[in-house]
Amino acid sequence: MQSLRKRLTARFYRTDAGNEPVRDWLLSLSKGDPDRTDQKIVGKDIARVEFGWPIGMPICRAIGALYEVRSTIRSGRVEARVYFGIDGADMILLHGSDDKADQAHAIQVALDRWKNYRTRKADMARNTVRSPGIDR
């Protein structure tokens, strides 16, 4: 039997202030749900991308320079999305949203964070002290 190996490793983007927006959003999905059902669904879908990359619809879709993981939560009533960028073997989790009406804004937030992440990473490569903006 072939062993499963991650093709990507999910890492949380970290803001300049040290916050991890996707981690915070995931935790917010569990409010009022002691079983953390929605949080587990999104986590399993992220893991499917980690182990199955490259993976297509209905789980994952390219959006320009970024990708989204789609998860059906709230008993099938809501599509949650986690937007991410690929950096080598890392899947940088940039933004999470469960509001379809706010999708254009969510994509822009993810793009802004991706730009910030890449800028900080380039700064680090030039021997600056700024964090690359991920959880390692």
Protein backbone atom coordinates (compact mmCIF):
# COMPACT_ATOMS: atom_id res chain seq x y z
CA MET A 1 0.00 0.00 0.00
CA GLN A 2 1.33 3.41 -0.96
CA SER A 3 1.70 5.85 1.94
CA LEU A 4 0.08 9.26 1.67
CA ARG A 5 2.42 12.21 1.55
CA LYS A 6 1.62 15.88 1.64
CA ARG A 7 2.37 17.65 -1.59
CA LEU A 8 1.79 21.04 0.04
CA THR A 9 1.92 22.19 3.64
CA ALA A 10 -0.77 24.64 4.73
CA ARG A 11 0.62 27.63 6.62
CA PHE A 12 -1.28 30.56 8.09
CA TYR A 13 -0.46 34.00 6.72
CA ARG A 14 0.52 36.34 9.54
CA THR A 15 -0.11 40.10 9.41
CA ASP A 16 2.51 42.70 10.35
CA ALA A 17 0.76 42.88 13.74
CA GLY A 18 1.16 39.11 14.25
CA ASN A 19 -2.48 38.15 13.67
CA GLU A 20 -3.43 35.06 11.69
CA PRO A 21 -6.69 35.99 9.92
CA VAL A 22 -7.55 32.54 8.56
CA ARG A 23 -6.92 30.87 11.93
CA ASP A 24 -9.15 33.48 13.60
CA TRP A 25 -11.86 33.00 10.95
CA LEU A 26 -11.74 29.20 11.36
CA LEU A 27 -12.15 29.55 15.11
CA SER A 28 -15.13 31.88 14.56
CA LEU A 29 -16.89 29.13 12.58
CA SER A 30 -17.16 27.13 15.81
CA LYS A 31 -19.05 29.72 17.85
CA GLY A 32 -22.12 28.02 19.26
CA ASP A 33 -21.07 24.60 17.91
CA PRO A 34 -19.32 22.46 20.52
CA ASP A 35 -18.61 19.79 17.89
CA ARG A 36 -16.87 22.35 15.62
CA THR A 37 -18.54 20.73 12.60
CA ASP A 38 -17.96 23.56 10.09
CA GLN A 39 -14.39 24.10 11.25
CA LYS A 40 -13.67 20.39 10.74
CA ILE A 41 -15.22 20.41 7.25
CA VAL A 42 -13.03 23.32 6.14
CA GLY A 43 -9.97 21.72 7.74
CA LYS A 44 -10.59 18.44 5.92
CA ASP A 45 -10.94 20.24 2.60
CA ILE A 46 -7.65 22.09 3.19
CA ALA A 47 -6.06 18.70 3.95
CA ARG A 48 -7.48 17.30 0.70
CA VAL A 49 -5.61 20.04 -1.16
CA GLU A 50 -2.42 19.39 0.84
CA PHE A 51 -2.43 15.69 -0.03
CA GLY A 52 -4.03 15.83 -3.48
CA TRP A 53 -2.38 18.84 -5.09
CA PRO A 54 -2.97 19.68 -7.86
CA ILE A 55 -6.69 19.24 -7.31
CA GLY A 56 -9.62 20.75 -9.18
CA MET A 57 -13.30 21.44 -8.72
CA PRO A 58 -15.42 21.09 -6.74
CA ILE A 59 -12.80 21.48 -3.96
CA CYS A 60 -10.28 23.87 -5.48
CA ARG A 61 -10.31 26.52 -8.18
CA ALA A 62 -7.72 28.94 -9.56
CA ILE A 63 -8.51 32.65 -9.30
CA GLY A 64 -5.78 34.51 -11.16
CA ALA A 65 -2.56 34.21 -9.14
CA LEU A 66 -4.42 32.65 -6.20
CA TYR A 67 -6.62 29.65 -5.50
CA GLU A 68 -9.67 28.99 -3.38
CA VAL A 69 -10.66 25.93 -1.36
CA ARG A 70 -14.44 25.55 -1.34
CA SER A 71 -16.24 23.88 1.54
CA THR A 72 -19.96 23.33 2.00
CA ILE A 73 -20.86 24.20 5.59
CA ARG A 74 -23.94 24.92 7.73
CA SER A 75 -25.68 21.73 6.67
CA GLY A 76 -25.22 22.47 2.96
CA ARG A 77 -26.55 26.03 3.07
CA VAL A 78 -23.27 27.96 2.77
CA GLU A 79 -20.13 27.76 0.61
CA ALA A 80 -17.09 28.77 2.64
CA ARG A 81 -13.91 29.74 0.83
CA VAL A 82 -10.29 29.85 1.92
CA TYR A 83 -8.08 31.80 -0.47
CA PHE A 84 -4.43 30.79 -0.73
CA GLY A 85 -1.22 31.26 -2.68
CA ILE A 86 1.45 28.70 -3.50
CA ASP A 87 5.02 29.37 -2.39
CA GLY A 88 7.16 26.36 -3.30
CA ALA A 89 5.70 23.49 -1.28
CA ASP A 90 3.75 25.83 1.00
CA MET A 91 0.05 26.65 0.74
CA ILE A 92 -0.20 30.12 2.31
CA LEU A 93 -3.72 30.54 3.74
CA LEU A 94 -4.53 34.21 3.16
CA HIS A 95 -8.23 34.84 3.79
CA GLY A 96 -11.37 32.94 4.74
CA SER A 97 -14.95 33.94 3.98
CA ASP A 98 -18.42 32.46 4.16
CA ASP A 99 -20.23 35.44 2.65
CA LYS A 100 -20.96 35.02 -1.08
CA ALA A 101 -22.14 38.64 -1.34
CA ASP A 102 -18.69 39.78 -0.22
CA GLN A 103 -16.70 37.53 -2.58
CA ALA A 104 -15.10 40.30 -4.69
CA HIS A 105 -13.90 42.06 -1.53
CA ALA A 106 -12.62 38.76 -0.08
CA ILE A 107 -10.58 38.09 -3.22
CA GLN A 108 -9.10 41.59 -3.08
CA VAL A 109 -8.15 41.12 0.59
CA ALA A 110 -6.44 37.83 -0.30
CA LEU A 111 -4.57 39.48 -3.20
CA ASP A 112 -3.41 42.31 -0.93
CA ARG A 113 -2.18 39.82 1.68
CA TRP A 114 -0.42 37.76 -1.01
CA LYS A 115 1.38 40.91 -2.22
CA ASN A 116 2.33 41.75 1.37
CA TYR A 117 3.58 38.20 2.00
CA ARG A 118 5.73 38.22 -1.13
CA THR A 119 7.15 41.67 -0.32
CA ARG A 120 8.08 40.61 3.20
CA LYS A 121 9.62 37.39 1.92
CA ALA A 122 11.74 39.36 -0.58
CA ASP A 123 12.78 41.73 2.23
CA MET A 124 13.86 38.74 4.31
CA ALA A 125 15.90 37.40 1.42
CA ARG A 126 17.73 40.74 1.39
CA ASN A 127 18.62 40.12 5.07
CA THR A 128 16.05 42.36 6.67
CA VAL A 129 14.50 41.38 9.99
CA ARG A 130 10.83 41.41 8.96
CA SER A 131 8.85 38.19 9.27
CA PRO A 132 7.75 36.55 6.01
CA GLY A 133 4.21 36.49 7.35
CA ILE A 134 3.61 32.79 7.85
CA ASP A 135 3.30 30.41 10.75
CA ARG A 136 6.29 28.08 10.75
